[in-house]
PDB file of N, CA and C in Angstrom:
ATOM      1  N   MET A   1     -32.215  69.120  12.187  1.00  0.00           N
ATOM      2  CA  MET A   1     -32.303  70.331  11.426  1.00  0.00           C
ATOM      3  C   MET A   1     -33.615  71.009  11.789  1.00  0.00           C
ATOM      4  N   LEU A   2     -33.580  72.304  11.876  1.00  0.00           N
ATOM      5  CA  LEU A   2     -34.749  73.077  12.240  1.00  0.00           C
ATOM      6  C   LEU A   2     -35.095  74.010  11.100  1.00  0.00           C
ATOM      7  N   PHE A   3     -36.331  73.931  10.642  1.00  0.00           N
ATOM      8  CA  PHE A   3     -36.826  74.842   9.615  1.00  0.00           C
ATOM      9  C   PHE A   3     -37.793  75.812  10.273  1.00  0.00           C
ATOM     10  N   ILE A   4     -37.552  77.080  10.084  1.00  0.00           N
ATOM     11  CA  ILE A   4     -38.496  78.096  10.554  1.00  0.00           C
ATOM     12  C   ILE A   4     -38.937  78.854   9.323  1.00  0.00           C
ATOM     13  N   ALA A   5     -40.220  78.777   9.050  1.00  0.00           N
ATOM     14  CA  ALA A   5     -40.724  79.391   7.821  1.00  0.00           C
ATOM     15  C   ALA A   5     -42.204  79.710   7.953  1.00  0.00           C
ATOM     16  N   MET A   6     -42.712  80.303   6.937  1.00  0.00           N
ATOM     17  CA  MET A   6     -44.141  80.598   6.900  1.00  0.00           C
ATOM     18  C   MET A   6     -44.924  79.310   6.660  1.00  0.00           C
ATOM     19  N   SER A   7     -46.192  79.334   6.994  1.00  0.00           N
ATOM     20  CA  SER A   7     -47.024  78.135   6.870  1.00  0.00           C
ATOM     21  C   SER A   7     -47.168  77.665   5.421  1.00  0.00           C
ATOM     22  N   VAL A   8     -46.918  78.525   4.476  1.00  0.00           N
ATOM     23  CA  VAL A   8     -47.042  78.169   3.053  1.00  0.00           C
ATOM     24  C   VAL A   8     -46.019  77.106   2.664  1.00  0.00           C
ATOM     25  N   ILE A   9     -44.902  77.069   3.370  1.00  0.00           N
ATOM     26  CA  ILE A   9     -43.847  76.127   2.993  1.00  0.00           C
ATOM     27  C   ILE A   9     -44.284  74.681   3.157  1.00  0.00           C
ATOM     28  N   GLU A  10     -45.238  74.427   4.052  1.00  0.00           N
ATOM     29  CA  GLU A  10     -45.715  73.054   4.227  1.00  0.00           C
ATOM     30  C   GLU A  10     -46.292  72.517   2.927  1.00  0.00           C
ATOM     31  N   LYS A  11     -47.047  73.319   2.224  1.00  0.00           N
ATOM     32  CA  LYS A  11     -47.631  72.890   0.949  1.00  0.00           C
ATOM     33  C   LYS A  11     -46.545  72.650  -0.088  1.00  0.00           C
ATOM     34  N   GLN A  12     -45.522  73.494  -0.088  1.00  0.00           N
ATOM     35  CA  GLN A  12     -44.439  73.337  -1.054  1.00  0.00           C
ATOM     36  C   GLN A  12     -43.612  72.100  -0.745  1.00  0.00           C
ATOM     37  N   LEU A  13     -43.347  71.854   0.545  1.00  0.00           N
ATOM     38  CA  LEU A  13     -42.566  70.681   0.919  1.00  0.00           C
ATOM     39  C   LEU A  13     -43.307  69.381   0.649  1.00  0.00           C
ATOM     40  N   SER A  14     -44.628  69.418   0.675  1.00  0.00           N
ATOM     41  CA  SER A  14     -45.386  68.191   0.439  1.00  0.00           C
ATOM     42  C   SER A  14     -45.172  67.642  -0.973  1.00  0.00           C
ATOM     43  N   LEU A  15     -44.645  68.466  -1.856  1.00  0.00           N
ATOM     44  CA  LEU A  15     -44.318  67.998  -3.205  1.00  0.00           C
ATOM     45  C   LEU A  15     -43.052  67.140  -3.214  1.00  0.00           C
ATOM     46  N   TYR A  16     -42.225  67.281  -2.195  1.00  0.00           N
ATOM     47  CA  TYR A  16     -40.975  66.517  -2.075  1.00  0.00           C
ATOM     48  C   TYR A  16     -41.160  65.464  -0.995  1.00  0.00           C
ATOM     49  N   ILE A  17     -41.807  64.370  -1.361  1.00  0.00           N
ATOM     50  CA  ILE A  17     -42.237  63.347  -0.417  1.00  0.00           C
ATOM     51  C   ILE A  17     -41.095  62.799   0.443  1.00  0.00           C
ATOM     52  N   PRO A  18     -39.902  62.499  -0.105  1.00  0.00           N
ATOM     53  CA  PRO A  18     -38.835  61.981   0.773  1.00  0.00           C
ATOM     54  C   PRO A  18     -38.437  62.964   1.880  1.00  0.00           C
ATOM     55  N   LEU A  19     -38.403  64.234   1.576  1.00  0.00           N
ATOM     56  CA  LEU A  19     -38.076  65.240   2.583  1.00  0.00           C
ATOM     57  C   LEU A  19     -39.249  65.457   3.529  1.00  0.00           C
ATOM     58  N   TYR A  20     -40.440  65.567   2.982  1.00  0.00           N
ATOM     59  CA  TYR A  20     -41.636  65.833   3.784  1.00  0.00           C
ATOM     60  C   TYR A  20     -41.908  64.714   4.781  1.00  0.00           C
ATOM     61  N   SER A  21     -41.606  63.482   4.406  1.00  0.00           N
ATOM     62  CA  SER A  21     -41.868  62.348   5.295  1.00  0.00           C
ATOM     63  C   SER A  21     -40.924  62.333   6.495  1.00  0.00           C
ATOM     64  N   ARG A  22     -39.856  63.112   6.444  1.00  0.00           N
ATOM     65  CA  ARG A  22     -38.884  63.140   7.541  1.00  0.00           C
ATOM     66  C   ARG A  22     -39.113  64.287   8.525  1.00  0.00           C
ATOM     67  N   ILE A  23     -40.148  65.071   8.300  1.00  0.00           N
ATOM     68  CA  ILE A  23     -40.461  66.165   9.213  1.00  0.00           C
ATOM     69  C   ILE A  23     -41.122  65.579  10.445  1.00  0.00           C
ATOM     70  N   GLY A  24     -40.499  65.802  11.594  1.00  0.00           N
ATOM     71  CA  GLY A  24     -41.002  65.215  12.838  1.00  0.00           C
ATOM     72  C   GLY A  24     -42.280  65.859  13.322  1.00  0.00           C
ATOM     73  N   PHE A  25     -42.327  67.161  13.354  1.00  0.00           N
ATOM     74  CA  PHE A  25     -43.525  67.852  13.803  1.00  0.00           C
ATOM     75  C   PHE A  25     -43.437  69.301  13.378  1.00  0.00           C
ATOM     76  N   GLU A  26     -44.549  69.959  13.477  1.00  0.00           N
ATOM     77  CA  GLU A  26     -44.574  71.389  13.180  1.00  0.00           C
ATOM     78  C   GLU A  26     -45.240  72.103  14.343  1.00  0.00           C
ATOM     79  N   HIS A  27     -44.835  73.329  14.530  1.00  0.00           N
ATOM     80  CA  HIS A  27     -45.402  74.137  15.603  1.00  0.00           C
ATOM     81  C   HIS A  27     -45.617  75.547  15.083  1.00  0.00           C
ATOM     82  N   GLU A  28     -46.803  76.080  15.303  1.00  0.00           N
ATOM     83  CA  GLU A  28     -47.095  77.428  14.848  1.00  0.00           C
ATOM     84  C   GLU A  28     -46.867  78.390  16.009  1.00  0.00           C
ATOM     85  N   PHE A  29     -46.018  79.375  15.790  1.00  0.00           N
ATOM     86  CA  PHE A  29     -45.713  80.370  16.803  1.00  0.00           C
ATOM     87  C   PHE A  29     -46.567  81.609  16.587  1.00  0.00           C
ATOM     88  N   ASP A  30     -46.866  82.295  17.680  1.00  0.00           N
ATOM     89  CA  ASP A  30     -47.577  83.565  17.588  1.00  0.00           C
ATOM     90  C   ASP A  30     -46.608  84.649  17.121  1.00  0.00           C
ATOM     91  N   ASN A  31     -47.160  85.735  16.616  1.00  0.00           N
ATOM     92  CA  ASN A  31     -46.325  86.857  16.209  1.00  0.00           C
ATOM     93  C   ASN A  31     -45.661  87.476  17.423  1.00  0.00           C
ATOM     94  N   LEU A  32     -44.469  88.039  17.218  1.00  0.00           N
ATOM     95  CA  LEU A  32     -43.771  88.711  18.304  1.00  0.00           C
ATOM     96  C   LEU A  32     -44.439  90.046  18.612  1.00  0.00           C
ATOM     97  N   SER A  33     -44.455  90.395  19.881  1.00  0.00           N
ATOM     98  CA  SER A  33     -44.979  91.709  20.275  1.00  0.00           C
ATOM     99  C   SER A  33     -43.939  92.778  19.959  1.00  0.00           C
ATOM    100  N   LYS A  34     -44.326  94.011  20.058  1.00  0.00           N
ATOM    101  CA  LYS A  34     -43.403  95.115  19.778  1.00  0.00           C
ATOM    102  C   LYS A  34     -42.237  95.080  20.771  1.00  0.00           C
ATOM    103  N   GLU A  35     -42.522  94.792  22.034  1.00  0.00           N
ATOM    104  CA  GLU A  35     -41.453  94.707  23.042  1.00  0.00           C
ATOM    105  C   GLU A  35     -40.473  93.592  22.717  1.00  0.00           C
ATOM    106  N   GLU A  36     -40.995  92.436  22.328  1.00  0.00           N
ATOM    107  CA  GLU A  36     -40.122  91.297  21.994  1.00  0.00           C
ATOM    108  C   GLU A  36     -39.258  91.624  20.777  1.00  0.00           C
ATOM    109  N   THR A  37     -39.838  92.277  19.799  1.00  0.00           N
ATOM    110  CA  THR A  37     -39.095  92.653  18.600  1.00  0.00           C
ATOM    111  C   THR A  37     -37.966  93.621  18.948  1.00  0.00           C
ATOM    112  N   CYS A  38     -38.247  94.597  19.806  1.00  0.00           N
ATOM    113  CA  CYS A  38     -37.217  95.563  20.216  1.00  0.00           C
ATOM    114  C   CYS A  38     -36.115  94.870  21.010  1.00  0.00           C
ATOM    115  N   HIS A  39     -36.487  93.886  21.834  1.00  0.00           N
ATOM    116  CA  HIS A  39     -35.497  93.145  22.632  1.00  0.00           C
ATOM    117  C   HIS A  39     -34.519  92.389  21.738  1.00  0.00           C
ATOM    118  N   ILE A  40     -35.031  91.809  20.687  1.00  0.00           N
ATOM    119  CA  ILE A  40     -34.176  91.025  19.778  1.00  0.00           C
ATOM    120  C   ILE A  40     -33.291  91.957  18.988  1.00  0.00           C
TER     121      ILE A  40
END
């Protein structure tokens, strides 16, 4: 399962230890440029 969310969700998920302990890794993405946004 893939979760894509804002960084704030990490703090909220940490309250649910069984779910939080199953998160394999996190990766922070840069914001999309105007060209990338138009392409999508």
